[in-house]
Amino acid sequence: MTMLAVFRSRAQSLDCVSRLRGEGVPAQAVSTPKEAGVGCGVSVRFDEAFLPRVSALLKRRAYSSFSGIMRRAGNTFVFL
């Protein structure tokens, strides 16, 4: 299932994508859906199977612009 790590900072989201890829996690930078309510943010898209690894990286890096994790629910996304 598709998940998103939502950021308010483009630079931090791109840093996260780069670090995840370096750890072997397939991740992409995507536009943040309007349901997130963070304006023009950039999110990191990844598969749910990698959630533990993504969560560990987010905890280690403590990104100041990180808003939360969203999961696809039908045609929309919702925060966990």
PDB file of N, CA and C in Angstrom:
ATOM      1  N   MET A   1       0.840  -1.175   0.000  1.00  0.00           N
ATOM      2  CA  MET A   1       0.000   0.000   0.000  1.00  0.00           C
ATOM      3  C   MET A   1       0.890   1.245   0.000  1.00  0.00           C
ATOM      4  N   THR A   2       0.480   2.262  -0.724  1.00  0.00           N
ATOM      5  CA  THR A   2       1.240   3.501  -0.831  1.00  0.00           C
ATOM      6  C   THR A   2       1.108   4.335   0.433  1.00  0.00           C
ATOM      7  N   MET A   3       2.239   4.863   0.883  1.00  0.00           N
ATOM      8  CA  MET A   3       2.264   5.737   2.045  1.00  0.00           C
ATOM      9  C   MET A   3       3.071   6.981   1.700  1.00  0.00           C
ATOM     10  N   LEU A   4       2.837   8.042   2.474  1.00  0.00           N
ATOM     11  CA  LEU A   4       3.548   9.297   2.279  1.00  0.00           C
ATOM     12  C   LEU A   4       4.111   9.790   3.604  1.00  0.00           C
ATOM     13  N   ALA A   5       5.348  10.241   3.570  1.00  0.00           N
ATOM     14  CA  ALA A   5       5.913  11.003   4.681  1.00  0.00           C
ATOM     15  C   ALA A   5       5.772  12.459   4.243  1.00  0.00           C
ATOM     16  N   VAL A   6       4.985  13.233   4.983  1.00  0.00           N
ATOM     17  CA  VAL A   6       4.630  14.592   4.579  1.00  0.00           C
ATOM     18  C   VAL A   6       5.597  15.604   5.202  1.00  0.00           C
ATOM     19  N   PHE A   7       6.110  16.491   4.353  1.00  0.00           N
ATOM     20  CA  PHE A   7       7.032  17.551   4.780  1.00  0.00           C
ATOM     21  C   PHE A   7       6.514  18.914   4.327  1.00  0.00           C
ATOM     22  N   ARG A   8       6.883  19.946   5.061  1.00  0.00           N
ATOM     23  CA  ARG A   8       6.589  21.319   4.645  1.00  0.00           C
ATOM     24  C   ARG A   8       7.788  21.940   3.920  1.00  0.00           C
ATOM     25  N   SER A   9       8.926  21.263   3.959  1.00  0.00           N
ATOM     26  CA  SER A   9      10.158  21.765   3.346  1.00  0.00           C
ATOM     27  C   SER A   9      10.582  20.869   2.195  1.00  0.00           C
ATOM     28  N   ARG A  10      10.744  21.478   1.039  1.00  0.00           N
ATOM     29  CA  ARG A  10      11.202  20.726  -0.135  1.00  0.00           C
ATOM     30  C   ARG A  10      12.611  20.158   0.112  1.00  0.00           C
ATOM     31  N   ALA A  11      13.493  20.963   0.679  1.00  0.00           N
ATOM     32  CA  ALA A  11      14.875  20.524   0.906  1.00  0.00           C
ATOM     33  C   ALA A  11      14.924  19.312   1.833  1.00  0.00           C
ATOM     34  N   GLN A  12      14.139  19.333   2.897  1.00  0.00           N
ATOM     35  CA  GLN A  12      14.155  18.213   3.832  1.00  0.00           C
ATOM     36  C   GLN A  12      13.529  16.963   3.227  1.00  0.00           C
ATOM     37  N   SER A  13      12.493  17.125   2.436  1.00  0.00           N
ATOM     38  CA  SER A  13      11.888  15.946   1.814  1.00  0.00           C
ATOM     39  C   SER A  13      12.860  15.318   0.815  1.00  0.00           C
ATOM     40  N   LEU A  14      13.564  16.135   0.055  1.00  0.00           N
ATOM     41  CA  LEU A  14      14.539  15.605  -0.906  1.00  0.00           C
ATOM     42  C   LEU A  14      15.720  14.958  -0.192  1.00  0.00           C
ATOM     43  N   ASP A  15      16.118  15.513   0.944  1.00  0.00           N
ATOM     44  CA  ASP A  15      17.162  14.889   1.754  1.00  0.00           C
ATOM     45  C   ASP A  15      16.707  13.514   2.223  1.00  0.00           C
ATOM     46  N   CYS A  16      15.464  13.430   2.668  1.00  0.00           N
ATOM     47  CA  CYS A  16      14.900  12.167   3.134  1.00  0.00           C
ATOM     48  C   CYS A  16      14.882  11.138   2.001  1.00  0.00           C
ATOM     49  N   VAL A  17      14.448  11.530   0.822  1.00  0.00           N
ATOM     50  CA  VAL A  17      14.428  10.619  -0.334  1.00  0.00           C
ATOM     51  C   VAL A  17      15.830  10.098  -0.606  1.00  0.00           C
ATOM     52  N   SER A  18      16.794  10.979  -0.610  1.00  0.00           N
ATOM     53  CA  SER A  18      18.172  10.587  -0.890  1.00  0.00           C
ATOM     54  C   SER A  18      18.690   9.599   0.147  1.00  0.00           C
ATOM     55  N   ARG A  19      18.431   9.868   1.400  1.00  0.00           N
ATOM     56  CA  ARG A  19      18.903   8.984   2.470  1.00  0.00           C
ATOM     57  C   ARG A  19      18.200   7.627   2.419  1.00  0.00           C
ATOM     58  N   LEU A  20      16.899   7.634   2.145  1.00  0.00           N
ATOM     59  CA  LEU A  20      16.170   6.371   2.043  1.00  0.00           C
ATOM     60  C   LEU A  20      16.704   5.525   0.892  1.00  0.00           C
ATOM     61  N   ARG A  21      16.905   6.151  -0.252  1.00  0.00           N
ATOM     62  CA  ARG A  21      17.450   5.414  -1.395  1.00  0.00           C
ATOM     63  C   ARG A  21      18.821   4.840  -1.059  1.00  0.00           C
ATOM     64  N   GLY A  22      19.622   5.614  -0.311  1.00  0.00           N
ATOM     65  CA  GLY A  22      20.938   5.146   0.110  1.00  0.00           C
ATOM     66  C   GLY A  22      20.864   3.928   1.014  1.00  0.00           C
ATOM     67  N   GLU A  23      19.742   3.760   1.691  1.00  0.00           N
ATOM     68  CA  GLU A  23      19.524   2.605   2.563  1.00  0.00           C
ATOM     69  C   GLU A  23      18.737   1.495   1.852  1.00  0.00           C
ATOM     70  N   GLY A  24      18.555   1.657   0.544  1.00  0.00           N
ATOM     71  CA  GLY A  24      17.896   0.621  -0.237  1.00  0.00           C
ATOM     72  C   GLY A  24      16.379   0.673  -0.222  1.00  0.00           C
ATOM     73  N   VAL A  25      15.807   1.779   0.218  1.00  0.00           N
ATOM     74  CA  VAL A  25      14.348   1.934   0.245  1.00  0.00           C
ATOM     75  C   VAL A  25      13.922   2.679  -1.015  1.00  0.00           C
ATOM     76  N   PRO A  26      13.092   2.073  -1.868  1.00  0.00           N
ATOM     77  CA  PRO A  26      12.614   2.794  -3.046  1.00  0.00           C
ATOM     78  C   PRO A  26      11.651   3.906  -2.615  1.00  0.00           C
ATOM     79  N   ALA A  27      12.044   5.131  -2.866  1.00  0.00           N
ATOM     80  CA  ALA A  27      11.249   6.290  -2.447  1.00  0.00           C
ATOM     81  C   ALA A  27      11.270   7.338  -3.550  1.00  0.00           C
ATOM     82  N   GLN A  28      10.190   8.127  -3.612  1.00  0.00           N
ATOM     83  CA  GLN A  28      10.077   9.192  -4.613  1.00  0.00           C
ATOM     84  C   GLN A  28       9.543  10.456  -3.958  1.00  0.00           C
ATOM     85  N   ALA A  29       9.979  11.595  -4.456  1.00  0.00           N
ATOM     86  CA  ALA A  29       9.410  12.877  -4.039  1.00  0.00           C
ATOM     87  C   ALA A  29       8.163  13.129  -4.880  1.00  0.00           C
ATOM     88  N   VAL A  30       7.063  13.461  -4.214  1.00  0.00           N
ATOM     89  CA  VAL A  30       5.788  13.713  -4.895  1.00  0.00           C
ATOM     90  C   VAL A  30       5.122  14.941  -4.270  1.00  0.00           C
ATOM     91  N   SER A  31       4.196  15.537  -4.985  1.00  0.00           N
ATOM     92  CA  SER A  31       3.428  16.651  -4.436  1.00  0.00           C
ATOM     93  C   SER A  31       2.565  16.154  -3.285  1.00  0.00           C
ATOM     94  N   THR A  32       2.491  16.963  -2.253  1.00  0.00           N
ATOM     95  CA  THR A  32       1.678  16.617  -1.090  1.00  0.00           C
ATOM     96  C   THR A  32       0.204  16.789  -1.437  1.00  0.00           C
ATOM     97  N   PRO A  33      -0.625  15.795  -1.118  1.00  0.00           N
ATOM     98  CA  PRO A  33      -2.057  15.917  -1.419  1.00  0.00           C
ATOM     99  C   PRO A  33      -2.709  16.995  -0.554  1.00  0.00           C
ATOM    100  N   LYS A  34      -3.776  17.569  -1.070  1.00  0.00           N
ATOM    101  CA  LYS A  34      -4.466  18.650  -0.348  1.00  0.00           C
ATOM    102  C   LYS A  34      -5.002  18.195   1.000  1.00  0.00           C
ATOM    103  N   GLU A  35      -5.279  16.901   1.151  1.00  0.00           N
ATOM    104  CA  GLU A  35      -5.808  16.377   2.414  1.00  0.00           C
ATOM    105  C   GLU A  35      -4.837  16.591   3.575  1.00  0.00           C
ATOM    106  N   ALA A  36      -3.557  16.777   3.266  1.00  0.00           N
ATOM    107  CA  ALA A  36      -2.560  16.980   4.321  1.00  0.00           C
ATOM    108  C   ALA A  36      -2.675  18.353   4.953  1.00  0.00           C
ATOM    109  N   GLY A  37      -3.210  19.322   4.211  1.00  0.00           N
ATOM    110  CA  GLY A  37      -3.385  20.668   4.750  1.00  0.00           C
ATOM    111  C   GLY A  37      -2.090  21.403   5.035  1.00  0.00           C
ATOM    112  N   VAL A  38      -1.041  21.136   4.272  1.00  0.00           N
ATOM    113  CA  VAL A  38       0.236  21.819   4.494  1.00  0.00           C
ATOM    114  C   VAL A  38       0.642  22.690   3.305  1.00  0.00           C
ATOM    115  N   GLY A  39      -0.286  23.071   2.493  1.00  0.00           N
ATOM    116  CA  GLY A  39       0.010  23.949   1.366  1.00  0.00           C
ATOM    117  C   GLY A  39       0.756  23.239   0.265  1.00  0.00           C
ATOM    118  N   CYS A  40       1.868  23.820  -0.164  1.00  0.00           N
ATOM    119  CA  CYS A  40       2.608  23.306  -1.321  1.00  0.00           C
ATOM    120  C   CYS A  40       3.754  22.387  -0.921  1.00  0.00           C
ATOM    121  N   GLY A  41       3.566  21.564   0.075  1.00  0.00           N
ATOM    122  CA  GLY A  41       4.632  20.695   0.537  1.00  0.00           C
ATOM    123  C   GLY A  41       5.014  19.626  -0.466  1.00  0.00           C
ATOM    124  N   VAL A  42       6.114  18.988  -0.193  1.00  0.00           N
ATOM    125  CA  VAL A  42       6.583  17.859  -0.983  1.00  0.00           C
ATOM    126  C   VAL A  42       6.658  16.666  -0.049  1.00  0.00           C
ATOM    127  N   SER A  43       6.110  15.554  -0.487  1.00  0.00           N
ATOM    128  CA  SER A  43       6.087  14.349   0.337  1.00  0.00           C
ATOM    129  C   SER A  43       6.999  13.282  -0.238  1.00  0.00           C
ATOM    130  N   VAL A  44       7.284  12.298   0.591  1.00  0.00           N
ATOM    131  CA  VAL A  44       8.091  11.155   0.184  1.00  0.00           C
ATOM    132  C   VAL A  44       7.154   9.957   0.071  1.00  0.00           C
ATOM    133  N   ARG A  45       7.044   9.406  -1.135  1.00  0.00           N
ATOM    134  CA  ARG A  45       6.177   8.252  -1.356  1.00  0.00           C
ATOM    135  C   ARG A  45       7.003   6.968  -1.210  1.00  0.00           C
ATOM    136  N   PHE A  46       6.419   5.994  -0.495  1.00  0.00           N
ATOM    137  CA  PHE A  46       7.085   4.717  -0.298  1.00  0.00           C
ATOM    138  C   PHE A  46       6.021   3.650  -0.064  1.00  0.00           C
ATOM    139  N   ASP A  47       6.422   2.391  -0.144  1.00  0.00           N
ATOM    140  CA  ASP A  47       5.500   1.287   0.087  1.00  0.00           C
ATOM    141  C   ASP A  47       5.441   0.979   1.584  1.00  0.00           C
ATOM    142  N   GLU A  48       4.268   0.574   2.040  1.00  0.00           N
ATOM    143  CA  GLU A  48       4.051   0.286   3.459  1.00  0.00           C
ATOM    144  C   GLU A  48       5.034  -0.742   4.014  1.00  0.00           C
ATOM    145  N   ALA A  49       5.516  -1.642   3.175  1.00  0.00           N
ATOM    146  CA  ALA A  49       6.469  -2.657   3.632  1.00  0.00           C
ATOM    147  C   ALA A  49       7.731  -2.032   4.221  1.00  0.00           C
ATOM    148  N   PHE A  50       8.034  -0.793   3.821  1.00  0.00           N
ATOM    149  CA  PHE A  50       9.238  -0.113   4.288  1.00  0.00           C
ATOM    150  C   PHE A  50       8.968   0.841   5.451  1.00  0.00           C
ATOM    151  N   LEU A  51       7.755   0.848   5.980  1.00  0.00           N
ATOM    152  CA  LEU A  51       7.400   1.783   7.055  1.00  0.00           C
ATOM    153  C   LEU A  51       8.354   1.714   8.248  1.00  0.00           C
ATOM    154  N   PRO A  52       8.749   0.544   8.737  1.00  0.00           N
ATOM    155  CA  PRO A  52       9.681   0.534   9.876  1.00  0.00           C
ATOM    156  C   PRO A  52      11.006   1.234   9.572  1.00  0.00           C
ATOM    157  N   ARG A  53      11.533   1.038   8.374  1.00  0.00           N
ATOM    158  CA  ARG A  53      12.804   1.670   8.009  1.00  0.00           C
ATOM    159  C   ARG A  53      12.636   3.168   7.819  1.00  0.00           C
ATOM    160  N   VAL A  54      11.517   3.577   7.220  1.00  0.00           N
ATOM    161  CA  VAL A  54      11.244   5.009   7.036  1.00  0.00           C
ATOM    162  C   VAL A  54      11.077   5.673   8.401  1.00  0.00           C
ATOM    163  N   SER A  55      10.310   5.055   9.276  1.00  0.00           N
ATOM    164  CA  SER A  55      10.089   5.607  10.616  1.00  0.00           C
ATOM    165  C   SER A  55      11.396   5.753  11.383  1.00  0.00           C
ATOM    166  N   ALA A  56      12.270   4.763  11.265  1.00  0.00           N
ATOM    167  CA  ALA A  56      13.568   4.831  11.952  1.00  0.00           C
ATOM    168  C   ALA A  56      14.398   6.004  11.443  1.00  0.00           C
ATOM    169  N   LEU A  57      14.407   6.212  10.126  1.00  0.00           N
ATOM    170  CA  LEU A  57      15.158   7.340   9.563  1.00  0.00           C
ATOM    171  C   LEU A  57      14.564   8.667  10.030  1.00  0.00           C
ATOM    172  N   LEU A  58      13.249   8.777   9.998  1.00  0.00           N
ATOM    173  CA  LEU A  58      12.600  10.020  10.426  1.00  0.00           C
ATOM    174  C   LEU A  58      12.915  10.328  11.883  1.00  0.00           C
ATOM    175  N   LYS A  59      12.978   9.307  12.709  1.00  0.00           N
ATOM    176  CA  LYS A  59      13.293   9.505  14.122  1.00  0.00           C
ATOM    177  C   LYS A  59      14.750   9.940  14.293  1.00  0.00           C
ATOM    178  N   ARG A  60      15.667   9.279  13.567  1.00  0.00           N
ATOM    179  CA  ARG A  60      17.092   9.627  13.649  1.00  0.00           C
ATOM    180  C   ARG A  60      17.360  11.052  13.206  1.00  0.00           C
ATOM    181  N   ARG A  61      16.739  11.457  12.104  1.00  0.00           N
ATOM    182  CA  ARG A  61      17.020  12.768  11.503  1.00  0.00           C
ATOM    183  C   ARG A  61      16.242  13.900  12.169  1.00  0.00           C
ATOM    184  N   ALA A  62      15.118  13.610  12.791  1.00  0.00           N
ATOM    185  CA  ALA A  62      14.289  14.620  13.470  1.00  0.00           C
ATOM    186  C   ALA A  62      14.083  15.862  12.595  1.00  0.00           C
ATOM    187  N   TYR A  63      13.569  15.654  11.390  1.00  0.00           N
ATOM    188  CA  TYR A  63      13.321  16.757  10.451  1.00  0.00           C
ATOM    189  C   TYR A  63      12.313  17.743  11.058  1.00  0.00           C
ATOM    190  N   SER A  64      12.671  19.005  11.054  1.00  0.00           N
ATOM    191  CA  SER A  64      11.796  20.027  11.654  1.00  0.00           C
ATOM    192  C   SER A  64      10.527  20.268  10.839  1.00  0.00           C
ATOM    193  N   SER A  65      10.535  19.953   9.559  1.00  0.00           N
ATOM    194  CA  SER A  65       9.361  20.210   8.711  1.00  0.00           C
ATOM    195  C   SER A  65       8.490  18.969   8.505  1.00  0.00           C
ATOM    196  N   PHE A  66       8.839  17.864   9.149  1.00  0.00           N
ATOM    197  CA  PHE A  66       8.058  16.642   9.006  1.00  0.00           C
ATOM    198  C   PHE A  66       6.702  16.821   9.677  1.00  0.00           C
ATOM    199  N   SER A  67       5.619  16.500   8.938  1.00  0.00           N
ATOM    200  CA  SER A  67       4.255  16.685   9.445  1.00  0.00           C
ATOM    201  C   SER A  67       3.571  15.396   9.862  1.00  0.00           C
ATOM    202  N   GLY A  68       3.998  14.258   9.326  1.00  0.00           N
ATOM    203  CA  GLY A  68       3.383  12.989   9.677  1.00  0.00           C
ATOM    204  C   GLY A  68       3.355  12.034   8.498  1.00  0.00           C
ATOM    205  N   ILE A  69       2.812  10.851   8.766  1.00  0.00           N
ATOM    206  CA  ILE A  69       2.704   9.789   7.761  1.00  0.00           C
ATOM    207  C   ILE A  69       1.252   9.662   7.340  1.00  0.00           C
ATOM    208  N   MET A  70       1.034   9.553   6.036  1.00  0.00           N
ATOM    209  CA  MET A  70      -0.308   9.348   5.502  1.00  0.00           C
ATOM    210  C   MET A  70      -0.357   8.015   4.770  1.00  0.00           C
ATOM    211  N   ARG A  71      -1.536   7.393   4.783  1.00  0.00           N
ATOM    212  CA  ARG A  71      -1.765   6.127   4.092  1.00  0.00           C
ATOM    213  C   ARG A  71      -2.891   6.333   3.080  1.00  0.00           C
ATOM    214  N   ARG A  72      -2.750   5.672   1.941  1.00  0.00           N
ATOM    215  CA  ARG A  72      -3.809   5.733   0.928  1.00  0.00           C
ATOM    216  C   ARG A  72      -5.052   5.037   1.467  1.00  0.00           C
ATOM    217  N   ALA A  73      -6.184   5.700   1.311  1.00  0.00           N
ATOM    218  CA  ALA A  73      -7.485   5.148   1.701  1.00  0.00           C
ATOM    219  C   ALA A  73      -8.449   5.400   0.547  1.00  0.00           C
ATOM    220  N   GLY A  74      -8.548   4.434  -0.345  1.00  0.00           N
ATOM    221  CA  GLY A  74      -9.357   4.622  -1.546  1.00  0.00           C
ATOM    222  C   GLY A  74      -8.688   5.602  -2.481  1.00  0.00           C
ATOM    223  N   ASN A  75      -9.383   6.684  -2.805  1.00  0.00           N
ATOM    224  CA  ASN A  75      -8.842   7.701  -3.707  1.00  0.00           C
ATOM    225  C   ASN A  75      -8.242   8.889  -2.974  1.00  0.00           C
ATOM    226  N   THR A  76      -8.051   8.753  -1.677  1.00  0.00           N
ATOM    227  CA  THR A  76      -7.540   9.861  -0.877  1.00  0.00           C
ATOM    228  C   THR A  76      -6.453   9.345   0.070  1.00  0.00           C
ATOM    229  N   PHE A  77      -5.874  10.236   0.837  1.00  0.00           N
ATOM    230  CA  PHE A  77      -4.879   9.871   1.849  1.00  0.00           C
ATOM    231  C   PHE A  77      -5.360  10.362   3.203  1.00  0.00           C
ATOM    232  N   VAL A  78      -5.032   9.600   4.258  1.00  0.00           N
ATOM    233  CA  VAL A  78      -5.386   9.986   5.626  1.00  0.00           C
ATOM    234  C   VAL A  78      -4.165   9.818   6.508  1.00  0.00           C
ATOM    235  N   PHE A  79      -4.038  10.679   7.534  1.00  0.00           N
ATOM    236  CA  PHE A  79      -2.939  10.564   8.480  1.00  0.00           C
ATOM    237  C   PHE A  79      -3.140   9.343   9.356  1.00  0.00           C
ATOM    238  N   LEU A  80      -2.038   8.693   9.691  1.00  0.00           N
ATOM    239  CA  LEU A  80      -2.092   7.547  10.612  1.00  0.00           C
ATOM    240  C   LEU A  80      -2.429   8.029  11.999  1.00  0.00           C
TER     241      LEU A  80
END
